[in-house]
Amino acid sequence: MASSKAKVTLKLLIDTKSKRVLFAEARKDFVDFLFNLLRLPVGTVVRLLTSQTMVGTLGNLYESIENLNETYFQPNATKLDLLNPKPPTGNSCDVNPLFLLNDVSNSVAKKFFVCPNIFNTRTYQSHMYVSDVRNATCPHCNNYMSKEMAYVTQEGTKEVKLEAGEGGFVKGVVT
């Protein structure tokens, strides 16, 4: 759990006569948090209800995601990830890192590093050590493990490299 207090800034333009929100502006972490609510089992329930019986905020959120253009999503995220969430597999009871608004480090793509001398052409010996810390010392040759490797997910697709703080579902700056 995050040790510091998360601060959420939300700007709203409200029509007081009709009691409706006309416009909302929020930071990326808050939008990712809202979108992540639909990854809970309640997202499947909302999807199964017809639009005529869907009332309230979750129905509106679901409809907004349906209408959102794909260009606003991160390269490794799609609308289908939110609209048709997959149930957790195995014994995973992990807390979703996007629920921790200021814990950006857990939402960034995984990075692994190997020694640049992974195959030594002089001695024809290879060493296969990997680290999740850039510039860790290679136990075989004492070089820095600085060569980044491509991480492949369980589905077998290459995970897109993201800059720090760019995890989640939506892109940081949207106009």
C-alpha atoms as a PDB file:
ATOM      1  CA  MET A   1       0.000   0.000   0.000  1.00  0.00           C
ATOM      2  CA  ALA A   2       1.239   3.506  -0.736  1.00  0.00           C
ATOM      3  CA  SER A   3       2.607   5.279   2.302  1.00  0.00           C
ATOM      4  CA  SER A   4       1.988   8.863   1.180  1.00  0.00           C
ATOM      5  CA  LYS A   5      -1.435  10.389   0.771  1.00  0.00           C
ATOM      6  CA  ALA A   6      -2.796  10.455  -2.777  1.00  0.00           C
ATOM      7  CA  LYS A   7      -4.218  13.752  -3.943  1.00  0.00           C
ATOM      8  CA  VAL A   8      -6.882  13.718  -6.626  1.00  0.00           C
ATOM      9  CA  THR A   9      -7.704  16.837  -8.613  1.00  0.00           C
ATOM     10  CA  LEU A  10     -10.955  16.843 -10.540  1.00  0.00           C
ATOM     11  CA  LYS A  11     -12.434  19.812 -12.403  1.00  0.00           C
ATOM     12  CA  LEU A  12     -16.143  19.635 -13.166  1.00  0.00           C
ATOM     13  CA  LEU A  13     -18.495  21.815 -15.186  1.00  0.00           C
ATOM     14  CA  ILE A  14     -21.982  21.187 -13.819  1.00  0.00           C
ATOM     15  CA  ASP A  15     -25.353  22.312 -15.150  1.00  0.00           C
ATOM     16  CA  THR A  16     -27.132  23.093 -11.876  1.00  0.00           C
ATOM     17  CA  LYS A  17     -30.592  23.211 -13.445  1.00  0.00           C
ATOM     18  CA  SER A  18     -30.488  19.739 -14.969  1.00  0.00           C
ATOM     19  CA  LYS A  19     -28.088  18.447 -12.276  1.00  0.00           C
ATOM     20  CA  ARG A  20     -25.723  16.950 -14.861  1.00  0.00           C
ATOM     21  CA  VAL A  21     -21.973  17.012 -15.347  1.00  0.00           C
ATOM     22  CA  LEU A  22     -21.243  18.647 -18.700  1.00  0.00           C
ATOM     23  CA  PHE A  23     -17.462  18.364 -18.641  1.00  0.00           C
ATOM     24  CA  ALA A  24     -14.877  16.703 -16.416  1.00  0.00           C
ATOM     25  CA  GLU A  25     -11.109  17.072 -16.374  1.00  0.00           C
ATOM     26  CA  ALA A  26      -8.836  14.777 -14.378  1.00  0.00           C
ATOM     27  CA  ARG A  27      -5.261  13.553 -14.291  1.00  0.00           C
ATOM     28  CA  LYS A  28      -4.284  10.297 -15.945  1.00  0.00           C
ATOM     29  CA  ASP A  29      -3.978   8.353 -12.677  1.00  0.00           C
ATOM     30  CA  PHE A  30      -7.567   9.168 -11.711  1.00  0.00           C
ATOM     31  CA  VAL A  31      -8.923   8.166 -15.138  1.00  0.00           C
ATOM     32  CA  ASP A  32      -6.986   4.888 -14.934  1.00  0.00           C
ATOM     33  CA  PHE A  33      -8.455   4.340 -11.465  1.00  0.00           C
ATOM     34  CA  LEU A  34     -12.018   4.831 -12.768  1.00  0.00           C
ATOM     35  CA  PHE A  35     -11.412   2.573 -15.744  1.00  0.00           C
ATOM     36  CA  ASN A  36      -9.968  -0.062 -13.469  1.00  0.00           C
ATOM     37  CA  LEU A  37     -13.252  -0.239 -11.554  1.00  0.00           C
ATOM     38  CA  LEU A  38     -14.722  -2.008 -14.572  1.00  0.00           C
ATOM     39  CA  ARG A  39     -12.047  -4.715 -14.341  1.00  0.00           C
ATOM     40  CA  LEU A  40     -13.652  -5.844 -11.115  1.00  0.00           C
ATOM     41  CA  PRO A  41     -16.452  -8.418 -11.455  1.00  0.00           C
ATOM     42  CA  VAL A  42     -18.929  -5.528 -11.421  1.00  0.00           C
ATOM     43  CA  GLY A  43     -17.704  -4.633 -14.928  1.00  0.00           C
ATOM     44  CA  THR A  44     -19.048  -7.927 -16.240  1.00  0.00           C
ATOM     45  CA  VAL A  45     -22.379  -7.365 -14.494  1.00  0.00           C
ATOM     46  CA  VAL A  46     -22.686  -3.905 -16.042  1.00  0.00           C
ATOM     47  CA  ARG A  47     -21.905  -5.351 -19.489  1.00  0.00           C
ATOM     48  CA  LEU A  48     -24.611  -8.004 -19.133  1.00  0.00           C
ATOM     49  CA  LEU A  49     -27.294  -5.479 -18.289  1.00  0.00           C
ATOM     50  CA  THR A  50     -29.034  -3.829 -21.201  1.00  0.00           C
ATOM     51  CA  SER A  51     -28.584  -0.108 -21.711  1.00  0.00           C
ATOM     52  CA  GLN A  52     -32.234   0.508 -20.827  1.00  0.00           C
ATOM     53  CA  THR A  53     -31.819  -0.981 -17.355  1.00  0.00           C
ATOM     54  CA  MET A  54     -28.376   0.480 -16.674  1.00  0.00           C
ATOM     55  CA  VAL A  55     -28.770   3.454 -14.419  1.00  0.00           C
ATOM     56  CA  GLY A  56     -26.204   5.381 -12.505  1.00  0.00           C
ATOM     57  CA  THR A  57     -22.527   6.048 -12.680  1.00  0.00           C
ATOM     58  CA  LEU A  58     -21.193   2.615 -13.674  1.00  0.00           C
ATOM     59  CA  GLY A  59     -23.487   2.459 -16.684  1.00  0.00           C
ATOM     60  CA  ASN A  60     -22.347   5.927 -17.750  1.00  0.00           C
ATOM     61  CA  LEU A  61     -18.696   4.984 -17.258  1.00  0.00           C
ATOM     62  CA  TYR A  62     -19.138   1.821 -19.326  1.00  0.00           C
ATOM     63  CA  GLU A  63     -20.860   3.770 -22.106  1.00  0.00           C
ATOM     64  CA  SER A  64     -18.122   6.434 -22.060  1.00  0.00           C
ATOM     65  CA  ILE A  65     -15.452   3.781 -22.540  1.00  0.00           C
ATOM     66  CA  GLU A  66     -17.443   2.257 -25.414  1.00  0.00           C
ATOM     67  CA  ASN A  67     -17.496   5.663 -27.126  1.00  0.00           C
ATOM     68  CA  LEU A  68     -13.862   6.581 -26.375  1.00  0.00           C
ATOM     69  CA  ASN A  69     -11.542   6.615 -29.384  1.00  0.00           C
ATOM     70  CA  GLU A  70      -8.752   3.996 -29.340  1.00  0.00           C
ATOM     71  CA  THR A  71      -6.106   6.714 -29.878  1.00  0.00           C
ATOM     72  CA  TYR A  72      -6.472   7.759 -26.228  1.00  0.00           C
ATOM     73  CA  PHE A  73      -5.402   4.319 -24.952  1.00  0.00           C
ATOM     74  CA  GLN A  74      -1.863   3.189 -24.167  1.00  0.00           C
ATOM     75  CA  PRO A  75      -0.263   0.994 -26.875  1.00  0.00           C
ATOM     76  CA  ASN A  76      -0.602  -2.106 -24.673  1.00  0.00           C
ATOM     77  CA  ALA A  77      -4.231  -1.448 -23.623  1.00  0.00           C
ATOM     78  CA  THR A  78      -7.517  -1.672 -25.500  1.00  0.00           C
ATOM     79  CA  LYS A  79     -11.174  -0.986 -24.851  1.00  0.00           C
ATOM     80  CA  LEU A  80     -11.802  -4.726 -24.757  1.00  0.00           C
ATOM     81  CA  ASP A  81      -9.527  -5.031 -21.710  1.00  0.00           C
ATOM     82  CA  LEU A  82     -12.047  -2.886 -19.858  1.00  0.00           C
ATOM     83  CA  LEU A  83     -15.325  -3.797 -21.518  1.00  0.00           C
ATOM     84  CA  ASN A  84     -14.739  -7.579 -21.383  1.00  0.00           C
ATOM     85  CA  PRO A  85     -12.433  -8.104 -18.396  1.00  0.00           C
ATOM     86  CA  LYS A  86     -10.728 -11.462 -17.966  1.00  0.00           C
ATOM     87  CA  PRO A  87     -11.056 -13.068 -14.529  1.00  0.00           C
ATOM     88  CA  PRO A  88      -7.815 -13.454 -12.572  1.00  0.00           C
ATOM     89  CA  THR A  89      -6.044 -16.742 -13.242  1.00  0.00           C
ATOM     90  CA  GLY A  90      -4.515 -19.112 -10.733  1.00  0.00           C
ATOM     91  CA  ASN A  91      -4.226 -18.119  -7.107  1.00  0.00           C
ATOM     92  CA  SER A  92      -3.539 -14.459  -7.783  1.00  0.00           C
ATOM     93  CA  CYS A  93      -4.977 -12.337  -5.017  1.00  0.00           C
ATOM     94  CA  ASP A  94      -2.760  -9.369  -5.780  1.00  0.00           C
ATOM     95  CA  VAL A  95      -4.011  -5.861  -5.209  1.00  0.00           C
ATOM     96  CA  ASN A  96      -4.323  -4.101  -8.519  1.00  0.00           C
ATOM     97  CA  PRO A  97      -1.572  -1.445  -8.563  1.00  0.00           C
ATOM     98  CA  LEU A  98      -3.805   1.067 -10.325  1.00  0.00           C
ATOM     99  CA  PHE A  99      -5.968   1.278  -7.226  1.00  0.00           C
ATOM    100  CA  LEU A 100      -2.950   2.823  -5.515  1.00  0.00           C
ATOM    101  CA  LEU A 101      -3.127   6.182  -7.250  1.00  0.00           C
ATOM    102  CA  ASN A 102       0.419   7.305  -6.565  1.00  0.00           C
ATOM    103  CA  ASP A 103       2.159   3.933  -6.917  1.00  0.00           C
ATOM    104  CA  VAL A 104       3.343   4.368 -10.497  1.00  0.00           C
ATOM    105  CA  SER A 105       6.285   1.972 -10.267  1.00  0.00           C
ATOM    106  CA  ASN A 106       4.063  -1.110 -10.215  1.00  0.00           C
ATOM    107  CA  SER A 107       2.127  -0.116 -13.328  1.00  0.00           C
ATOM    108  CA  VAL A 108       5.171   0.254 -15.603  1.00  0.00           C
ATOM    109  CA  ALA A 109       6.091  -2.596 -17.941  1.00  0.00           C
ATOM    110  CA  LYS A 110       8.579  -5.111 -16.509  1.00  0.00           C
ATOM    111  CA  LYS A 111      12.210  -4.649 -17.508  1.00  0.00           C
ATOM    112  CA  PHE A 112      14.973  -7.235 -17.343  1.00  0.00           C
ATOM    113  CA  PHE A 113      18.668  -6.784 -18.007  1.00  0.00           C
ATOM    114  CA  VAL A 114      21.521  -9.085 -19.030  1.00  0.00           C
ATOM    115  CA  CYS A 115      25.252  -8.672 -19.352  1.00  0.00           C
ATOM    116  CA  PRO A 116      26.310  -7.220 -22.732  1.00  0.00           C
ATOM    117  CA  ASN A 117      28.906 -10.017 -22.859  1.00  0.00           C
ATOM    118  CA  ILE A 118      26.222 -12.700 -22.653  1.00  0.00           C
ATOM    119  CA  PHE A 119      28.161 -14.677 -25.269  1.00  0.00           C
ATOM    120  CA  ASN A 120      31.905 -14.207 -25.138  1.00  0.00           C
ATOM    121  CA  THR A 121      33.351 -14.776 -28.624  1.00  0.00           C
ATOM    122  CA  ARG A 122      36.874 -14.965 -27.238  1.00  0.00           C
ATOM    123  CA  THR A 123      36.232 -17.914 -24.897  1.00  0.00           C
ATOM    124  CA  TYR A 124      33.030 -19.200 -26.545  1.00  0.00           C
ATOM    125  CA  GLN A 125      31.349 -19.372 -23.163  1.00  0.00           C
ATOM    126  CA  SER A 126      27.907 -18.034 -22.477  1.00  0.00           C
ATOM    127  CA  HIS A 127      26.420 -17.016 -19.179  1.00  0.00           C
ATOM    128  CA  MET A 128      22.694 -16.681 -18.662  1.00  0.00           C
ATOM    129  CA  TYR A 129      22.025 -14.382 -15.736  1.00  0.00           C
ATOM    130  CA  VAL A 130      19.180 -11.893 -15.678  1.00  0.00           C
ATOM    131  CA  SER A 131      18.329  -9.052 -13.300  1.00  0.00           C
ATOM    132  CA  ASP A 132      15.413  -6.681 -12.868  1.00  0.00           C
ATOM    133  CA  VAL A 133      17.886  -4.003 -11.727  1.00  0.00           C
ATOM    134  CA  ARG A 134      19.775  -2.063 -14.405  1.00  0.00           C
ATOM    135  CA  ASN A 135      23.560  -2.160 -13.922  1.00  0.00           C
ATOM    136  CA  ALA A 136      23.569  -5.031 -11.435  1.00  0.00           C
ATOM    137  CA  THR A 137      26.909  -6.856 -11.397  1.00  0.00           C
ATOM    138  CA  CYS A 138      27.117  -9.980 -13.556  1.00  0.00           C
ATOM    139  CA  PRO A 139      28.184 -12.913 -11.337  1.00  0.00           C
ATOM    140  CA  HIS A 140      30.146 -14.469 -14.213  1.00  0.00           C
ATOM    141  CA  CYS A 141      32.310 -11.592 -15.473  1.00  0.00           C
ATOM    142  CA  ASN A 142      31.610  -8.662 -13.090  1.00  0.00           C
ATOM    143  CA  ASN A 143      30.325  -6.451 -15.925  1.00  0.00           C
ATOM    144  CA  TYR A 144      27.267  -4.283 -15.492  1.00  0.00           C
ATOM    145  CA  MET A 145      24.049  -5.967 -16.630  1.00  0.00           C
ATOM    146  CA  SER A 146      22.864  -3.096 -18.807  1.00  0.00           C
ATOM    147  CA  LYS A 147      21.422  -4.711 -21.936  1.00  0.00           C
ATOM    148  CA  GLU A 148      17.619  -4.568 -21.764  1.00  0.00           C
ATOM    149  CA  MET A 149      15.742  -7.688 -22.849  1.00  0.00           C
ATOM    150  CA  ALA A 150      12.248  -7.827 -24.371  1.00  0.00           C
ATOM    151  CA  TYR A 151       9.671  -9.139 -21.910  1.00  0.00           C
ATOM    152  CA  VAL A 152       7.071 -11.570 -23.307  1.00  0.00           C
ATOM    153  CA  THR A 153       3.728 -11.876 -21.515  1.00  0.00           C
ATOM    154  CA  GLN A 154       1.869 -15.106 -20.781  1.00  0.00           C
ATOM    155  CA  GLU A 155      -0.147 -14.687 -23.982  1.00  0.00           C
ATOM    156  CA  GLY A 156       3.117 -14.654 -25.955  1.00  0.00           C
ATOM    157  CA  THR A 157       2.895 -11.073 -27.148  1.00  0.00           C
ATOM    158  CA  LYS A 158       5.775  -8.713 -26.676  1.00  0.00           C
ATOM    159  CA  GLU A 159       5.006  -6.142 -24.020  1.00  0.00           C
ATOM    160  CA  VAL A 160       5.375  -2.562 -25.209  1.00  0.00           C
ATOM    161  CA  LYS A 161       8.060  -0.551 -23.428  1.00  0.00           C
ATOM    162  CA  LEU A 162       6.579   2.422 -21.606  1.00  0.00           C
ATOM    163  CA  GLU A 163       8.232   5.430 -20.054  1.00  0.00           C
ATOM    164  CA  ALA A 164       8.131   5.704 -16.264  1.00  0.00           C
ATOM    165  CA  GLY A 165       4.697   6.801 -15.139  1.00  0.00           C
ATOM    166  CA  GLU A 166       3.027   5.790 -18.397  1.00  0.00           C
ATOM    167  CA  GLY A 167       1.383   2.548 -17.290  1.00  0.00           C
ATOM    168  CA  GLY A 168      -2.351   2.118 -16.996  1.00  0.00           C
ATOM    169  CA  PHE A 169      -4.960   2.459 -19.703  1.00  0.00           C
ATOM    170  CA  VAL A 170      -4.926   6.020 -21.017  1.00  0.00           C
ATOM    171  CA  LYS A 171      -2.155   8.232 -22.330  1.00  0.00           C
ATOM    172  CA  GLY A 172      -0.862  10.990 -20.056  1.00  0.00           C
ATOM    173  CA  VAL A 173      -1.651  14.058 -22.125  1.00  0.00           C
ATOM    174  CA  VAL A 174      -4.903  14.093 -24.026  1.00  0.00           C
ATOM    175  CA  THR A 175      -6.249  17.149 -25.824  1.00  0.00           C
END
